[in-house]
C-alpha atoms as a PDB file:
ATOM      1  CA  UNK A   1      37.394  -4.619  10.609  1.00  0.00           C
ATOM      2  CA  UNK A   2      35.102  -7.662  10.295  1.00  0.00           C
ATOM      3  CA  UNK A   3      31.429  -7.336  11.031  1.00  0.00           C
ATOM      4  CA  UNK A   4      30.257  -9.049  14.180  1.00  0.00           C
ATOM      5  CA  UNK A   5      28.194 -12.252  13.703  1.00  0.00           C
ATOM      6  CA  UNK A   6      24.965 -10.449  14.531  1.00  0.00           C
ATOM      7  CA  UNK A   7      25.700  -7.831  11.866  1.00  0.00           C
ATOM      8  CA  UNK A   8      26.410 -10.492   9.259  1.00  0.00           C
ATOM      9  CA  UNK A   9      23.191 -12.280  10.170  1.00  0.00           C
ATOM     10  CA  UNK A  10      21.147  -9.100   9.774  1.00  0.00           C
ATOM     11  CA  UNK A  11      22.772  -8.404   6.405  1.00  0.00           C
ATOM     12  CA  UNK A  12      22.021 -11.921   5.179  1.00  0.00           C
ATOM     13  CA  UNK A  13      18.442 -11.685   6.431  1.00  0.00           C
ATOM     14  CA  UNK A  14      17.860  -8.422   4.559  1.00  0.00           C
ATOM     15  CA  UNK A  15      19.359  -9.920   1.407  1.00  0.00           C
ATOM     16  CA  UNK A  16      17.105 -12.965   1.665  1.00  0.00           C
ATOM     17  CA  UNK A  17      14.023 -10.820   2.234  1.00  0.00           C
ATOM     18  CA  UNK A  18      14.840  -8.653  -0.771  1.00  0.00           C
ATOM     19  CA  UNK A  19      15.481 -11.652  -2.996  1.00  0.00           C
ATOM     20  CA  UNK A  20      12.370 -13.476  -1.779  1.00  0.00           C
ATOM     21  CA  UNK A  21      10.202 -10.422  -2.404  1.00  0.00           C
ATOM     22  CA  UNK A  22      11.407 -10.327  -6.000  1.00  0.00           C
ATOM     23  CA  UNK A  23      10.902 -14.076  -6.507  1.00  0.00           C
ATOM     24  CA  UNK A  24       7.428 -14.254  -4.921  1.00  0.00           C
ATOM     25  CA  UNK A  25       6.177 -11.211  -6.820  1.00  0.00           C
ATOM     26  CA  UNK A  26       7.508 -12.592 -10.095  1.00  0.00           C
ATOM     27  CA  UNK A  27       6.462 -16.231  -9.774  1.00  0.00           C
ATOM     28  CA  UNK A  28       3.754 -16.376  -7.077  1.00  0.00           C
ATOM     29  CA  UNK A  29       3.907 -18.696  -4.100  1.00  0.00           C
ATOM     30  CA  UNK A  30       3.768 -22.036  -5.925  1.00  0.00           C
ATOM     31  CA  UNK A  31       6.234 -20.952  -8.599  1.00  0.00           C
ATOM     32  CA  UNK A  32       8.726 -19.489  -6.146  1.00  0.00           C
ATOM     33  CA  UNK A  33      11.841 -21.590  -5.588  1.00  0.00           C
ATOM     34  CA  UNK A  34      13.950 -21.472  -2.437  1.00  0.00           C
ATOM     35  CA  UNK A  35      16.931 -22.273  -4.661  1.00  0.00           C
ATOM     36  CA  UNK A  36      16.278 -19.121  -6.683  1.00  0.00           C
ATOM     37  CA  UNK A  37      15.837 -17.062  -3.503  1.00  0.00           C
ATOM     38  CA  UNK A  38      19.185 -18.324  -2.212  1.00  0.00           C
ATOM     39  CA  UNK A  39      20.917 -17.628  -5.530  1.00  0.00           C
ATOM     40  CA  UNK A  40      19.565 -14.075  -5.768  1.00  0.00           C
ATOM     41  CA  UNK A  41      20.479 -13.395  -2.133  1.00  0.00           C
ATOM     42  CA  UNK A  42      23.988 -14.793  -2.592  1.00  0.00           C
ATOM     43  CA  UNK A  43      23.630 -17.286   0.250  1.00  0.00           C
ATOM     44  CA  UNK A  44      23.209 -21.028   0.560  1.00  0.00           C
ATOM     45  CA  UNK A  45      19.773 -22.629   0.663  1.00  0.00           C
ATOM     46  CA  UNK A  46      20.650 -23.891   4.134  1.00  0.00           C
ATOM     47  CA  UNK A  47      21.101 -20.286   5.246  1.00  0.00           C
ATOM     48  CA  UNK A  48      17.663 -19.382   3.892  1.00  0.00           C
ATOM     49  CA  UNK A  49      16.078 -22.203   5.896  1.00  0.00           C
ATOM     50  CA  UNK A  50      18.113 -21.306   8.970  1.00  0.00           C
ATOM     51  CA  UNK A  51      16.800 -17.745   8.884  1.00  0.00           C
ATOM     52  CA  UNK A  52      13.178 -18.397   7.902  1.00  0.00           C
ATOM     53  CA  UNK A  53      12.484 -22.063   8.733  1.00  0.00           C
ATOM     54  CA  UNK A  54      10.404 -22.817   5.628  1.00  0.00           C
ATOM     55  CA  UNK A  55       8.828 -21.357   2.516  1.00  0.00           C
ATOM     56  CA  UNK A  56       5.555 -20.585   4.300  1.00  0.00           C
ATOM     57  CA  UNK A  57       7.342 -18.577   7.003  1.00  0.00           C
ATOM     58  CA  UNK A  58       9.320 -16.671   4.387  1.00  0.00           C
ATOM     59  CA  UNK A  59       6.127 -15.836   2.492  1.00  0.00           C
ATOM     60  CA  UNK A  60       4.527 -14.487   5.677  1.00  0.00           C
ATOM     61  CA  UNK A  61       7.585 -12.359   6.440  1.00  0.00           C
ATOM     62  CA  UNK A  62       7.545 -10.855   2.945  1.00  0.00           C
ATOM     63  CA  UNK A  63       3.826 -10.109   2.841  1.00  0.00           C
ATOM     64  CA  UNK A  64       3.617  -8.572   6.306  1.00  0.00           C
ATOM     65  CA  UNK A  65       6.960  -6.770   6.029  1.00  0.00           C
ATOM     66  CA  UNK A  66       6.072  -5.018   2.769  1.00  0.00           C
ATOM     67  CA  UNK A  67       2.669  -4.251   4.246  1.00  0.00           C
ATOM     68  CA  UNK A  68       4.237  -2.385   7.166  1.00  0.00           C
ATOM     69  CA  UNK A  69       6.324  -0.296   4.779  1.00  0.00           C
ATOM     70  CA  UNK A  70       3.300   0.583   2.661  1.00  0.00           C
ATOM     71  CA  UNK A  71       1.236   1.583   5.719  1.00  0.00           C
ATOM     72  CA  UNK A  72       4.013   3.902   6.907  1.00  0.00           C
ATOM     73  CA  UNK A  73       4.228   5.549   3.471  1.00  0.00           C
ATOM     74  CA  UNK A  74       0.467   6.077   3.330  1.00  0.00           C
ATOM     75  CA  UNK A  75       0.376   7.602   6.817  1.00  0.00           C
ATOM     76  CA  UNK A  76       3.132   9.975   5.708  1.00  0.00           C
ATOM     77  CA  UNK A  77       1.093  10.959   2.636  1.00  0.00           C
ATOM     78  CA  UNK A  78      -1.964  11.724   4.794  1.00  0.00           C
ATOM     79  CA  UNK A  79       0.066  13.875   7.162  1.00  0.00           C
ATOM     80  CA  UNK A  80       1.890  15.795   4.431  1.00  0.00           C
ATOM     81  CA  UNK A  81      -1.247  16.629   2.454  1.00  0.00           C
ATOM     82  CA  UNK A  82      -4.011  17.006   5.067  1.00  0.00           C
ATOM     83  CA  UNK A  83      -2.430  18.095   8.355  1.00  0.00           C
ATOM     84  CA  UNK A  84      -2.751  21.859   8.629  1.00  0.00           C
ATOM     85  CA  UNK A  85      -4.462  22.193   5.231  1.00  0.00           C
ATOM     86  CA  UNK A  86      -6.602  25.306   4.742  1.00  0.00           C
ATOM     87  CA  UNK A  87      -8.124  24.401   1.358  1.00  0.00           C
ATOM     88  CA  UNK A  88      -9.991  21.102   1.228  1.00  0.00           C
ATOM     89  CA  UNK A  89     -10.016  20.769  -2.558  1.00  0.00           C
ATOM     90  CA  UNK A  90      -6.329  21.488  -2.943  1.00  0.00           C
ATOM     91  CA  UNK A  91      -5.374  19.132  -0.086  1.00  0.00           C
ATOM     92  CA  UNK A  92      -7.596  16.282  -1.266  1.00  0.00           C
ATOM     93  CA  UNK A  93      -6.371  16.617  -4.857  1.00  0.00           C
ATOM     94  CA  UNK A  94      -2.786  16.391  -3.635  1.00  0.00           C
ATOM     95  CA  UNK A  95      -3.619  13.316  -1.562  1.00  0.00           C
ATOM     96  CA  UNK A  96      -5.559  11.662  -4.382  1.00  0.00           C
ATOM     97  CA  UNK A  97      -2.636  12.105  -6.754  1.00  0.00           C
ATOM     98  CA  UNK A  98      -0.192  10.757  -4.158  1.00  0.00           C
ATOM     99  CA  UNK A  99      -2.390   7.674  -3.677  1.00  0.00           C
ATOM    100  CA  UNK A 100      -2.649   7.105  -7.408  1.00  0.00           C
ATOM    101  CA  UNK A 101       1.100   7.398  -7.911  1.00  0.00           C
ATOM    102  CA  UNK A 102       2.057   5.153  -4.986  1.00  0.00           C
ATOM    103  CA  UNK A 103      -0.661   2.490  -5.227  1.00  0.00           C
ATOM    104  CA  UNK A 104      -0.305   1.999  -8.986  1.00  0.00           C
ATOM    105  CA  UNK A 105       3.440   1.331  -8.675  1.00  0.00           C
ATOM    106  CA  UNK A 106       4.306  -2.043 -10.193  1.00  0.00           C
ATOM    107  CA  UNK A 107       5.543  -3.679  -6.978  1.00  0.00           C
ATOM    108  CA  UNK A 108       2.450  -2.580  -5.032  1.00  0.00           C
ATOM    109  CA  UNK A 109       0.103  -3.972  -7.673  1.00  0.00           C
ATOM    110  CA  UNK A 110       2.096  -7.214  -7.828  1.00  0.00           C
ATOM    111  CA  UNK A 111       1.967  -7.554  -4.051  1.00  0.00           C
ATOM    112  CA  UNK A 112      -1.792  -6.977  -4.024  1.00  0.00           C
ATOM    113  CA  UNK A 113      -2.257  -9.629  -6.714  1.00  0.00           C
ATOM    114  CA  UNK A 114      -0.057 -12.068  -4.795  1.00  0.00           C
ATOM    115  CA  UNK A 115      -2.027 -11.591  -1.571  1.00  0.00           C
ATOM    116  CA  UNK A 116      -5.354 -12.032  -3.368  1.00  0.00           C
ATOM    117  CA  UNK A 117      -4.111 -15.173  -5.129  1.00  0.00           C
ATOM    118  CA  UNK A 118      -2.953 -16.784  -1.873  1.00  0.00           C
ATOM    119  CA  UNK A 119      -5.803 -15.659   0.416  1.00  0.00           C
ATOM    120  CA  UNK A 120      -7.373 -19.122   0.586  1.00  0.00           C
ATOM    121  CA  UNK A 121      -4.037 -20.868   1.096  1.00  0.00           C
ATOM    122  CA  UNK A 122      -2.873 -18.456   3.825  1.00  0.00           C
ATOM    123  CA  UNK A 123      -6.012 -16.793   5.244  1.00  0.00           C
ATOM    124  CA  UNK A 124      -4.332 -15.616   8.446  1.00  0.00           C
ATOM    125  CA  UNK A 125      -1.382 -13.974   6.716  1.00  0.00           C
ATOM    126  CA  UNK A 126      -3.407 -12.430   3.918  1.00  0.00           C
ATOM    127  CA  UNK A 127      -6.158 -11.410   6.322  1.00  0.00           C
ATOM    128  CA  UNK A 128      -3.547  -9.672   8.470  1.00  0.00           C
ATOM    129  CA  UNK A 129      -2.305  -7.867   5.355  1.00  0.00           C
ATOM    130  CA  UNK A 130      -5.792  -6.394   5.039  1.00  0.00           C
ATOM    131  CA  UNK A 131      -6.532  -5.615   8.684  1.00  0.00           C
ATOM    132  CA  UNK A 132      -3.115  -4.399   9.827  1.00  0.00           C
ATOM    133  CA  UNK A 133      -2.315  -2.590   6.597  1.00  0.00           C
ATOM    134  CA  UNK A 134      -5.154  -1.527   4.340  1.00  0.00           C
ATOM    135  CA  UNK A 135      -7.879  -1.269   6.979  1.00  0.00           C
ATOM    136  CA  UNK A 136      -5.636   0.362   9.578  1.00  0.00           C
ATOM    137  CA  UNK A 137      -4.419   2.818   6.958  1.00  0.00           C
ATOM    138  CA  UNK A 138      -7.980   3.855   6.159  1.00  0.00           C
ATOM    139  CA  UNK A 139      -8.715   4.342   9.849  1.00  0.00           C
ATOM    140  CA  UNK A 140      -5.739   6.700   9.902  1.00  0.00           C
ATOM    141  CA  UNK A 141      -7.095   8.489   6.832  1.00  0.00           C
ATOM    142  CA  UNK A 142     -10.470   8.830   8.553  1.00  0.00           C
ATOM    143  CA  UNK A 143      -8.772  10.553  11.472  1.00  0.00           C
ATOM    144  CA  UNK A 144      -6.983  12.909   9.089  1.00  0.00           C
ATOM    145  CA  UNK A 145     -10.273  13.740   7.350  1.00  0.00           C
ATOM    146  CA  UNK A 146     -11.788  14.485  10.758  1.00  0.00           C
ATOM    147  CA  UNK A 147      -9.067  17.109  11.121  1.00  0.00           C
ATOM    148  CA  UNK A 148     -10.481  18.852   8.034  1.00  0.00           C
ATOM    149  CA  UNK A 149     -13.917  18.776   9.688  1.00  0.00           C
ATOM    150  CA  UNK A 150     -12.472  20.306  12.842  1.00  0.00           C
ATOM    151  CA  UNK A 151     -11.107  23.193  10.757  1.00  0.00           C
ATOM    152  CA  UNK A 152     -14.467  23.751   9.075  1.00  0.00           C
ATOM    153  CA  UNK A 153     -13.381  22.372   5.705  1.00  0.00           C
ATOM    154  CA  UNK A 154     -15.632  19.276   5.611  1.00  0.00           C
ATOM    155  CA  UNK A 155     -19.033  18.427   7.009  1.00  0.00           C
ATOM    156  CA  UNK A 156     -19.283  16.376  10.178  1.00  0.00           C
ATOM    157  CA  UNK A 157     -18.353  12.761   9.456  1.00  0.00           C
ATOM    158  CA  UNK A 158     -20.491  10.278  11.383  1.00  0.00           C
ATOM    159  CA  UNK A 159     -18.251   7.360  10.321  1.00  0.00           C
ATOM    160  CA  UNK A 160     -14.805   8.707   9.339  1.00  0.00           C
ATOM    161  CA  UNK A 161     -13.409   5.280   8.398  1.00  0.00           C
ATOM    162  CA  UNK A 162     -16.316   4.626   6.022  1.00  0.00           C
ATOM    163  CA  UNK A 163     -15.784   8.055   4.493  1.00  0.00           C
ATOM    164  CA  UNK A 164     -12.108   7.188   4.043  1.00  0.00           C
ATOM    165  CA  UNK A 165     -13.125   3.979   2.234  1.00  0.00           C
ATOM    166  CA  UNK A 166     -15.375   6.021  -0.032  1.00  0.00           C
ATOM    167  CA  UNK A 167     -12.607   8.486  -0.852  1.00  0.00           C
ATOM    168  CA  UNK A 168     -10.119   5.700  -1.576  1.00  0.00           C
ATOM    169  CA  UNK A 169     -12.689   3.911  -3.722  1.00  0.00           C
ATOM    170  CA  UNK A 170     -13.401   7.001  -5.800  1.00  0.00           C
ATOM    171  CA  UNK A 171      -9.691   7.500  -6.373  1.00  0.00           C
ATOM    172  CA  UNK A 172      -8.422   3.958  -6.854  1.00  0.00           C
ATOM    173  CA  UNK A 173     -11.235   1.776  -8.222  1.00  0.00           C
ATOM    174  CA  UNK A 174     -10.582   2.243 -11.943  1.00  0.00           C
ATOM    175  CA  UNK A 175      -6.769   1.998 -12.152  1.00  0.00           C
ATOM    176  CA  UNK A 176      -6.501  -0.665  -9.453  1.00  0.00           C
ATOM    177  CA  UNK A 177      -9.060  -2.994 -10.990  1.00  0.00           C
ATOM    178  CA  UNK A 178      -7.720  -2.469 -14.493  1.00  0.00           C
ATOM    179  CA  UNK A 179      -4.252  -3.448 -13.306  1.00  0.00           C
ATOM    180  CA  UNK A 180      -5.586  -6.508 -11.465  1.00  0.00           C
ATOM    181  CA  UNK A 181      -7.086  -7.861 -14.689  1.00  0.00           C
ATOM    182  CA  UNK A 182      -4.907  -6.392 -17.433  1.00  0.00           C
ATOM    183  CA  UNK A 183      -1.546  -6.617 -15.656  1.00  0.00           C
ATOM    184  CA  UNK A 184       0.976  -4.044 -14.533  1.00  0.00           C
ATOM    185  CA  UNK A 185       2.010  -3.253 -18.106  1.00  0.00           C
ATOM    186  CA  UNK A 186      -1.369  -1.565 -18.597  1.00  0.00           C
ATOM    187  CA  UNK A 187      -0.187   1.830 -17.389  1.00  0.00           C
ATOM    188  CA  UNK A 188      -2.388   4.946 -16.995  1.00  0.00           C
ATOM    189  CA  UNK A 189      -2.359   7.217 -20.034  1.00  0.00           C
ATOM    190  CA  UNK A 190      -0.658  10.645 -19.806  1.00  0.00           C
ATOM    191  CA  UNK A 191      -2.766  12.988 -17.709  1.00  0.00           C
ATOM    192  CA  UNK A 192      -5.147  10.216 -16.614  1.00  0.00           C
ATOM    193  CA  UNK A 193      -4.057  10.245 -12.965  1.00  0.00           C
ATOM    194  CA  UNK A 194      -4.649  13.987 -12.739  1.00  0.00           C
ATOM    195  CA  UNK A 195      -8.119  13.598 -14.237  1.00  0.00           C
ATOM    196  CA  UNK A 196      -8.967  10.735 -11.877  1.00  0.00           C
ATOM    197  CA  UNK A 197      -7.803  12.768  -8.877  1.00  0.00           C
ATOM    198  CA  UNK A 198      -9.815  15.836  -9.941  1.00  0.00           C
ATOM    199  CA  UNK A 199     -13.047  13.946 -10.591  1.00  0.00           C
ATOM    200  CA  UNK A 200     -12.762  11.901  -7.392  1.00  0.00           C
ATOM    201  CA  UNK A 201     -12.403  15.067  -5.326  1.00  0.00           C
ATOM    202  CA  UNK A 202     -15.348  16.674  -7.151  1.00  0.00           C
ATOM    203  CA  UNK A 203     -17.633  13.782  -6.209  1.00  0.00           C
ATOM    204  CA  UNK A 204     -16.274  13.556  -2.659  1.00  0.00           C
ATOM    205  CA  UNK A 205     -16.778  17.261  -1.948  1.00  0.00           C
ATOM    206  CA  UNK A 206     -20.267  17.157  -3.441  1.00  0.00           C
ATOM    207  CA  UNK A 207     -21.151  14.888  -0.534  1.00  0.00           C
ATOM    208  CA  UNK A 208     -18.880  16.065   2.270  1.00  0.00           C
ATOM    209  CA  UNK A 209     -17.747  19.562   1.367  1.00  0.00           C
ATOM    210  CA  UNK A 210     -19.000  22.757   2.930  1.00  0.00           C
ATOM    211  CA  UNK A 211     -19.966  25.961   1.160  1.00  0.00           C
ATOM    212  CA  UNK A 212     -17.219  28.452   0.534  1.00  0.00           C
ATOM    213  CA  UNK A 213     -14.206  28.682  -1.710  1.00  0.00           C
ATOM    214  CA  UNK A 214     -11.738  26.998   0.634  1.00  0.00           C
ATOM    215  CA  UNK A 215     -13.775  23.825   0.803  1.00  0.00           C
ATOM    216  CA  UNK A 216     -14.967  23.540  -2.704  1.00  0.00           C
END
């Protein structure tokens, strides 16, 4: 049974998005070729333009689409590690390690580098990547941290989003910045992510933990 035209269109659109993501992350915006996108997607260049109008529109779709996926994954990590937690140190260590594993993945680092490189060329798109993804995600983390406060596991947080920024900074600053400058082939050494997670939680709880074994 043949797919209906709408189904074929959706399939082609997904193929183009997947191919374009690969091409943009590998070559950057200026180096990306619509011919290569079409070839990787297995469609004609005319089909690429029909679906996405131009290279700029395709870039925006890729950046914001991957951003949505990342935000959903981060929200899931917050919920699975912090919701209902009874031990602040254990929960925060689990979250820190999840963040380190997910945010140091090659495609995430490449996307971050691409957005940074094109921020001046596409300020609205790249700015939206920050506000609707990264910033919104940290607001969600702040709310999850407030849940730990409500259960007596953290001190009262006057600015939960700022506290979330501080936690993310403690966890991610070293590996993220190293990868931005040294490239994705500069992988963390064995055991390094665990050490980073442990030390980040130590510093965080020194400021926001409460007395007692469950909190620190």
